[in-house]
C-alpha cells in the first residue's frame, strides 16, 4: 500500500471505523516505518480528540441521520 492508502485507513481508525485484520496490520507496520504518515495520523488523532472534547453530541431525529447518511453515500 502507498502512503495515501495508509492515510485513508489511518483516518478510518481515528474515526473508530472497523478495519479488517490485514489492513490493520499493514497500517500499524507502515506507521512504524513512515514518519510522515505517523505524523499525519497523530495530528488526525489529536484533532479528533479536540473536536470531540469541545463539541457536544446532539441527539438528532433518526430521519435526519438517515437523510444525511444518504446524501453522503450519494456524493
PDB file of N, CA and C in Angstrom:
ATOM      1  N   UNK A   1       0.839  -1.183   0.000  1.00  0.00           N
ATOM      2  CA  UNK A   1       0.000   0.000   0.000  1.00  0.00           C
ATOM      3  C   UNK A   1       0.882   1.243   0.000  1.00  0.00           C
ATOM      4  N   UNK A   2       0.385   2.277  -0.635  1.00  0.00           N
ATOM      5  CA  UNK A   2       1.135   3.527  -0.647  1.00  0.00           C
ATOM      6  C   UNK A   2       0.676   4.420   0.517  1.00  0.00           C
ATOM      7  N   UNK A   3       1.378   5.532   0.683  1.00  0.00           N
ATOM      8  CA  UNK A   3       1.093   6.418   1.816  1.00  0.00           C
ATOM      9  C   UNK A   3      -0.344   6.944   1.792  1.00  0.00           C
ATOM     10  N   UNK A   4      -0.857   7.268   0.630  1.00  0.00           N
ATOM     11  CA  UNK A   4      -2.221   7.782   0.523  1.00  0.00           C
ATOM     12  C   UNK A   4      -3.242   6.758   1.020  1.00  0.00           C
ATOM     13  N   UNK A   5      -3.070   5.517   0.618  1.00  0.00           N
ATOM     14  CA  UNK A   5      -3.977   4.452   1.061  1.00  0.00           C
ATOM     15  C   UNK A   5      -3.869   4.240   2.573  1.00  0.00           C
ATOM     16  N   UNK A   6      -2.653   4.266   3.082  1.00  0.00           N
ATOM     17  CA  UNK A   6      -2.450   4.099   4.524  1.00  0.00           C
ATOM     18  C   UNK A   6      -3.090   5.251   5.278  1.00  0.00           C
ATOM     19  N   UNK A   7      -2.922   6.468   4.790  1.00  0.00           N
ATOM     20  CA  UNK A   7      -3.511   7.621   5.466  1.00  0.00           C
ATOM     21  C   UNK A   7      -5.029   7.554   5.483  1.00  0.00           C
ATOM     22  N   UNK A   8      -5.629   7.045   4.416  1.00  0.00           N
ATOM     23  CA  UNK A   8      -7.089   6.861   4.399  1.00  0.00           C
ATOM     24  C   UNK A   8      -7.519   5.847   5.456  1.00  0.00           C
ATOM     25  N   UNK A   9      -6.798   4.739   5.544  1.00  0.00           N
ATOM     26  CA  UNK A   9      -7.140   3.717   6.539  1.00  0.00           C
ATOM     27  C   UNK A   9      -6.868   4.217   7.958  1.00  0.00           C
ATOM     28  N   UNK A  10      -5.797   4.971   8.136  1.00  0.00           N
ATOM     29  CA  UNK A  10      -5.495   5.516   9.455  1.00  0.00           C
ATOM     30  C   UNK A  10      -6.575   6.511   9.872  1.00  0.00           C
ATOM     31  N   UNK A  11      -7.073   7.289   8.929  1.00  0.00           N
ATOM     32  CA  UNK A  11      -8.173   8.214   9.229  1.00  0.00           C
ATOM     33  C   UNK A  11      -9.426   7.442   9.648  1.00  0.00           C
ATOM     34  N   UNK A  12      -9.651   6.308   9.019  1.00  0.00           N
ATOM     35  CA  UNK A  12     -10.786   5.467   9.417  1.00  0.00           C
ATOM     36  C   UNK A  12     -10.615   4.984  10.858  1.00  0.00           C
ATOM     37  N   UNK A  13      -9.388   4.647  11.234  1.00  0.00           N
ATOM     38  CA  UNK A  13      -9.121   4.252  12.621  1.00  0.00           C
ATOM     39  C   UNK A  13      -9.430   5.386  13.583  1.00  0.00           C
ATOM     40  N   UNK A  14      -9.016   6.586  13.228  1.00  0.00           N
ATOM     41  CA  UNK A  14      -9.274   7.753  14.073  1.00  0.00           C
ATOM     42  C   UNK A  14     -10.781   7.935  14.263  1.00  0.00           C
ATOM     43  N   UNK A  15     -11.540   7.653  13.216  1.00  0.00           N
ATOM     44  CA  UNK A  15     -12.999   7.795  13.262  1.00  0.00           C
ATOM     45  C   UNK A  15     -13.698   6.572  13.846  1.00  0.00           C
ATOM     46  N   UNK A  16     -12.924   5.652  14.398  1.00  0.00           N
ATOM     47  CA  UNK A  16     -13.452   4.434  15.030  1.00  0.00           C
ATOM     48  C   UNK A  16     -14.191   3.524  14.056  1.00  0.00           C
ATOM     49  N   UNK A  17     -13.761   3.543  12.801  1.00  0.00           N
ATOM     50  CA  UNK A  17     -14.325   2.632  11.821  1.00  0.00           C
ATOM     51  C   UNK A  17     -13.546   1.317  11.893  1.00  0.00           C
ATOM     52  N   UNK A  18     -14.238   0.195  11.818  1.00  0.00           N
ATOM     53  CA  UNK A  18     -13.523  -1.088  11.908  1.00  0.00           C
ATOM     54  C   UNK A  18     -12.711  -1.373  10.647  1.00  0.00           C
ATOM     55  N   UNK A  19     -11.540  -1.938  10.846  1.00  0.00           N
ATOM     56  CA  UNK A  19     -10.703  -2.392   9.734  1.00  0.00           C
ATOM     57  C   UNK A  19     -10.520  -3.895   9.855  1.00  0.00           C
ATOM     58  N   UNK A  20     -10.354  -4.565   8.726  1.00  0.00           N
ATOM     59  CA  UNK A  20     -10.058  -5.992   8.802  1.00  0.00           C
ATOM     60  C   UNK A  20      -8.627  -6.159   9.311  1.00  0.00           C
ATOM     61  N   UNK A  21      -8.297  -7.338   9.774  1.00  0.00           N
ATOM     62  CA  UNK A  21      -7.000  -7.583  10.410  1.00  0.00           C
ATOM     63  C   UNK A  21      -5.826  -7.314   9.457  1.00  0.00           C
ATOM     64  N   UNK A  22      -5.994  -7.661   8.195  1.00  0.00           N
ATOM     65  CA  UNK A  22      -4.925  -7.439   7.222  1.00  0.00           C
ATOM     66  C   UNK A  22      -4.622  -5.942   7.092  1.00  0.00           C
ATOM     67  N   UNK A  23      -5.672  -5.139   6.912  1.00  0.00           N
ATOM     68  CA  UNK A  23      -5.480  -3.688   6.789  1.00  0.00           C
ATOM     69  C   UNK A  23      -4.908  -3.093   8.063  1.00  0.00           C
ATOM     70  N   UNK A  24      -5.408  -3.538   9.196  1.00  0.00           N
ATOM     71  CA  UNK A  24      -4.911  -3.031  10.474  1.00  0.00           C
ATOM     72  C   UNK A  24      -3.417  -3.331  10.631  1.00  0.00           C
ATOM     73  N   UNK A  25      -3.015  -4.557  10.300  1.00  0.00           N
ATOM     74  CA  UNK A  25      -1.598  -4.925  10.377  1.00  0.00           C
ATOM     75  C   UNK A  25      -0.745  -4.059   9.443  1.00  0.00           C
ATOM     76  N   UNK A  26      -1.250  -3.826   8.225  1.00  0.00           N
ATOM     77  CA  UNK A  26      -0.496  -3.006   7.271  1.00  0.00           C
ATOM     78  C   UNK A  26      -0.364  -1.563   7.752  1.00  0.00           C
ATOM     79  N   UNK A  27      -1.440  -1.014   8.294  1.00  0.00           N
ATOM     80  CA  UNK A  27      -1.388   0.357   8.801  1.00  0.00           C
ATOM     81  C   UNK A  27      -0.387   0.456   9.939  1.00  0.00           C
ATOM     82  N   UNK A  28      -0.470  -0.455  10.884  1.00  0.00           N
ATOM     83  CA  UNK A  28       0.439  -0.422  12.032  1.00  0.00           C
ATOM     84  C   UNK A  28       1.896  -0.541  11.592  1.00  0.00           C
ATOM     85  N   UNK A  29       2.181  -1.448  10.682  1.00  0.00           N
ATOM     86  CA  UNK A  29       3.549  -1.630  10.203  1.00  0.00           C
ATOM     87  C   UNK A  29       4.038  -0.394   9.452  1.00  0.00           C
ATOM     88  N   UNK A  30       3.180   0.153   8.627  1.00  0.00           N
ATOM     89  CA  UNK A  30       3.565   1.335   7.847  1.00  0.00           C
ATOM     90  C   UNK A  30       3.816   2.533   8.759  1.00  0.00           C
ATOM     91  N   UNK A  31       2.947   2.736   9.745  1.00  0.00           N
ATOM     92  CA  UNK A  31       3.125   3.875  10.648  1.00  0.00           C
ATOM     93  C   UNK A  31       4.434   3.776  11.423  1.00  0.00           C
ATOM     94  N   UNK A  32       4.864   2.571  11.718  1.00  0.00           N
ATOM     95  CA  UNK A  32       6.132   2.383  12.429  1.00  0.00           C
ATOM     96  C   UNK A  32       7.334   2.743  11.554  1.00  0.00           C
ATOM     97  N   UNK A  33       7.162   2.628  10.236  1.00  0.00           N
ATOM     98  CA  UNK A  33       8.304   2.834   9.341  1.00  0.00           C
ATOM     99  C   UNK A  33       8.243   4.124   8.535  1.00  0.00           C
ATOM    100  N   UNK A  34       7.161   4.882   8.648  1.00  0.00           N
ATOM    101  CA  UNK A  34       6.998   6.093   7.829  1.00  0.00           C
ATOM    102  C   UNK A  34       6.688   7.291   8.731  1.00  0.00           C
ATOM    103  N   UNK A  35       7.688   8.109   9.020  1.00  0.00           N
ATOM    104  CA  UNK A  35       7.466   9.262   9.898  1.00  0.00           C
ATOM    105  C   UNK A  35       6.394  10.230   9.387  1.00  0.00           C
ATOM    106  N   UNK A  36       6.306  10.392   8.084  1.00  0.00           N
ATOM    107  CA  UNK A  36       5.316  11.305   7.516  1.00  0.00           C
ATOM    108  C   UNK A  36       3.891  10.824   7.802  1.00  0.00           C
ATOM    109  N   UNK A  37       3.623   9.565   7.564  1.00  0.00           N
ATOM    110  CA  UNK A  37       2.290   9.016   7.824  1.00  0.00           C
ATOM    111  C   UNK A  37       2.004   8.969   9.317  1.00  0.00           C
ATOM    112  N   UNK A  38       3.012   8.663  10.108  1.00  0.00           N
ATOM    113  CA  UNK A  38       2.837   8.650  11.556  1.00  0.00           C
ATOM    114  C   UNK A  38       2.453  10.038  12.049  1.00  0.00           C
ATOM    115  N   UNK A  39       3.111  11.077  11.529  1.00  0.00           N
ATOM    116  CA  UNK A  39       2.784  12.455  11.898  1.00  0.00           C
ATOM    117  C   UNK A  39       1.346  12.786  11.520  1.00  0.00           C
ATOM    118  N   UNK A  40       0.948  12.458  10.295  1.00  0.00           N
ATOM    119  CA  UNK A  40      -0.427  12.724   9.851  1.00  0.00           C
ATOM    120  C   UNK A  40      -1.441  12.024  10.751  1.00  0.00           C
ATOM    121  N   UNK A  41      -1.157  10.775  11.093  1.00  0.00           N
ATOM    122  CA  UNK A  41      -2.048  10.009  11.968  1.00  0.00           C
ATOM    123  C   UNK A  41      -2.155  10.679  13.331  1.00  0.00           C
ATOM    124  N   UNK A  42      -1.028  11.073  13.900  1.00  0.00           N
ATOM    125  CA  UNK A  42      -1.039  11.706  15.220  1.00  0.00           C
ATOM    126  C   UNK A  42      -1.780  13.036  15.195  1.00  0.00           C
ATOM    127  N   UNK A  43      -1.634  13.811  14.123  1.00  0.00           N
ATOM    128  CA  UNK A  43      -2.349  15.081  14.004  1.00  0.00           C
ATOM    129  C   UNK A  43      -3.855  14.840  13.865  1.00  0.00           C
ATOM    130  N   UNK A  44      -4.234  13.832  13.073  1.00  0.00           N
ATOM    131  CA  UNK A  44      -5.661  13.485  12.941  1.00  0.00           C
ATOM    132  C   UNK A  44      -6.231  13.057  14.283  1.00  0.00           C
ATOM    133  N   UNK A  45      -5.476  12.258  15.010  1.00  0.00           N
ATOM    134  CA  UNK A  45      -5.920  11.776  16.311  1.00  0.00           C
ATOM    135  C   UNK A  45      -6.090  12.935  17.290  1.00  0.00           C
ATOM    136  N   UNK A  46      -5.132  13.849  17.324  1.00  0.00           N
ATOM    137  CA  UNK A  46      -5.210  14.986  18.211  1.00  0.00           C
ATOM    138  C   UNK A  46      -6.394  15.888  17.844  1.00  0.00           C
ATOM    139  N   UNK A  47      -6.577  16.132  16.569  1.00  0.00           N
ATOM    140  CA  UNK A  47      -7.708  16.955  16.121  1.00  0.00           C
ATOM    141  C   UNK A  47      -9.036  16.317  16.507  1.00  0.00           C
ATOM    142  N   UNK A  48      -9.128  15.023  16.329  1.00  0.00           N
ATOM    143  CA  UNK A  48     -10.350  14.306  16.698  1.00  0.00           C
ATOM    144  C   UNK A  48     -10.638  14.443  18.188  1.00  0.00           C
ATOM    145  N   UNK A  49      -9.617  14.296  19.015  1.00  0.00           N
ATOM    146  CA  UNK A  49      -9.804  14.431  20.461  1.00  0.00           C
ATOM    147  C   UNK A  49     -10.267  15.838  20.835  1.00  0.00           C
ATOM    148  N   UNK A  50      -9.682  16.838  20.211  1.00  0.00           N
ATOM    149  CA  UNK A  50     -10.060  18.228  20.495  1.00  0.00           C
ATOM    150  C   UNK A  50     -11.512  18.474  20.103  1.00  0.00           C
ATOM    151  N   UNK A  51     -11.874  18.048  18.914  1.00  0.00           N
ATOM    152  CA  UNK A  51     -13.245  18.255  18.435  1.00  0.00           C
ATOM    153  C   UNK A  51     -14.244  17.526  19.329  1.00  0.00           C
ATOM    154  N   UNK A  52     -13.953  16.277  19.658  1.00  0.00           N
ATOM    155  CA  UNK A  52     -14.880  15.501  20.493  1.00  0.00           C
ATOM    156  C   UNK A  52     -15.006  16.095  21.895  1.00  0.00           C
ATOM    157  N   UNK A  53     -13.947  16.713  22.393  1.00  0.00           N
ATOM    158  CA  UNK A  53     -13.985  17.294  23.736  1.00  0.00           C
ATOM    159  C   UNK A  53     -14.737  18.620  23.762  1.00  0.00           C
ATOM    160  N   UNK A  54     -14.755  19.335  22.653  1.00  0.00           N
ATOM    161  CA  UNK A  54     -15.315  20.688  22.644  1.00  0.00           C
ATOM    162  C   UNK A  54     -16.684  20.818  22.020  1.00  0.00           C
ATOM    163  N   UNK A  55     -17.087  19.856  21.242  1.00  0.00           N
ATOM    164  CA  UNK A  55     -18.378  19.950  20.571  1.00  0.00           C
ATOM    165  C   UNK A  55     -19.314  18.920  21.182  1.00  0.00           C
ATOM    166  N   UNK A  56     -20.390  19.382  21.783  1.00  0.00           N
ATOM    167  CA  UNK A  56     -21.312  18.432  22.416  1.00  0.00           C
ATOM    168  C   UNK A  56     -22.045  17.576  21.385  1.00  0.00           C
ATOM    169  N   UNK A  57     -22.309  16.357  21.775  1.00  0.00           N
ATOM    170  CA  UNK A  57     -23.103  15.471  20.931  1.00  0.00           C
ATOM    171  C   UNK A  57     -24.568  15.850  21.066  1.00  0.00           C
ATOM    172  N   UNK A  58     -25.277  15.788  19.969  1.00  0.00           N
ATOM    173  CA  UNK A  58     -26.689  16.129  19.947  1.00  0.00           C
ATOM    174  C   UNK A  58     -27.443  14.937  19.386  1.00  0.00           C
ATOM    175  N   UNK A  59     -28.517  14.575  20.049  1.00  0.00           N
ATOM    176  CA  UNK A  59     -29.368  13.509  19.528  1.00  0.00           C
ATOM    177  C   UNK A  59     -30.266  14.084  18.438  1.00  0.00           C
ATOM    178  N   UNK A  60     -30.015  13.667  17.223  1.00  0.00           N
ATOM    179  CA  UNK A  60     -30.819  14.116  16.089  1.00  0.00           C
ATOM    180  C   UNK A  60     -31.903  13.079  15.813  1.00  0.00           C
ATOM    181  N   UNK A  61     -32.997  13.516  15.239  1.00  0.00           N
ATOM    182  CA  UNK A  61     -34.031  12.553  14.853  1.00  0.00           C
ATOM    183  C   UNK A  61     -33.456  11.545  13.856  1.00  0.00           C
ATOM    184  N   UNK A  62     -33.932  10.325  13.932  1.00  0.00           N
ATOM    185  CA  UNK A  62     -33.431   9.268  13.053  1.00  0.00           C
ATOM    186  C   UNK A  62     -33.566   9.646  11.577  1.00  0.00           C
ATOM    187  N   UNK A  63     -34.638  10.333  11.223  1.00  0.00           N
ATOM    188  CA  UNK A  63     -34.848  10.735   9.836  1.00  0.00           C
ATOM    189  C   UNK A  63     -33.729  11.671   9.366  1.00  0.00           C
ATOM    190  N   UNK A  64     -33.282  12.554  10.234  1.00  0.00           N
ATOM    191  CA  UNK A  64     -32.189  13.462   9.876  1.00  0.00           C
ATOM    192  C   UNK A  64     -30.908  12.663   9.647  1.00  0.00           C
ATOM    193  N   UNK A  65     -30.635  11.737  10.527  1.00  0.00           N
ATOM    194  CA  UNK A  65     -29.451  10.889  10.382  1.00  0.00           C
ATOM    195  C   UNK A  65     -29.490  10.139   9.055  1.00  0.00           C
ATOM    196  N   UNK A  66     -30.619   9.525   8.749  1.00  0.00           N
ATOM    197  CA  UNK A  66     -30.735   8.756   7.510  1.00  0.00           C
ATOM    198  C   UNK A  66     -30.593   9.640   6.281  1.00  0.00           C
ATOM    199  N   UNK A  67     -31.160  10.834   6.337  1.00  0.00           N
ATOM    200  CA  UNK A  67     -31.071  11.772   5.222  1.00  0.00           C
ATOM    201  C   UNK A  67     -29.621  12.208   4.991  1.00  0.00           C
ATOM    202  N   UNK A  68     -28.912  12.510   6.056  1.00  0.00           N
ATOM    203  CA  UNK A  68     -27.506  12.914   5.943  1.00  0.00           C
ATOM    204  C   UNK A  68     -26.674  11.757   5.417  1.00  0.00           C
ATOM    205  N   UNK A  69     -26.894  10.581   5.962  1.00  0.00           N
ATOM    206  CA  UNK A  69     -26.137   9.400   5.526  1.00  0.00           C
ATOM    207  C   UNK A  69     -26.358   9.130   4.043  1.00  0.00           C
ATOM    208  N   UNK A  70     -27.599   9.236   3.591  1.00  0.00           N
ATOM    209  CA  UNK A  70     -27.913   9.014   2.184  1.00  0.00           C
ATOM    210  C   UNK A  70     -27.228  10.057   1.304  1.00  0.00           C
ATOM    211  N   UNK A  71     -27.225  11.312   1.737  1.00  0.00           N
ATOM    212  CA  UNK A  71     -26.571  12.375   0.960  1.00  0.00           C
ATOM    213  C   UNK A  71     -25.075  12.114   0.850  1.00  0.00           C
ATOM    214  N   UNK A  72     -24.466  11.640   1.924  1.00  0.00           N
ATOM    215  CA  UNK A  72     -23.031  11.343   1.892  1.00  0.00           C
ATOM    216  C   UNK A  72     -22.749  10.187   0.943  1.00  0.00           C
ATOM    217  N   UNK A  73     -23.554   9.159   1.015  1.00  0.00           N
ATOM    218  CA  UNK A  73     -23.343   7.993   0.145  1.00  0.00           C
ATOM    219  C   UNK A  73     -23.554   8.342  -1.318  1.00  0.00           C
ATOM    220  N   UNK A  74     -24.482   9.256  -1.602  1.00  0.00           N
ATOM    221  CA  UNK A  74     -24.739   9.677  -2.986  1.00  0.00           C
ATOM    222  C   UNK A  74     -23.638  10.574  -3.522  1.00  0.00           C
ATOM    223  N   UNK A  75     -22.914  11.212  -2.616  1.00  0.00           N
ATOM    224  CA  UNK A  75     -21.848  12.127  -3.010  1.00  0.00           C
ATOM    225  C   UNK A  75     -20.701  11.334  -3.581  1.00  0.00           C
TER     226      UNK A  75
END
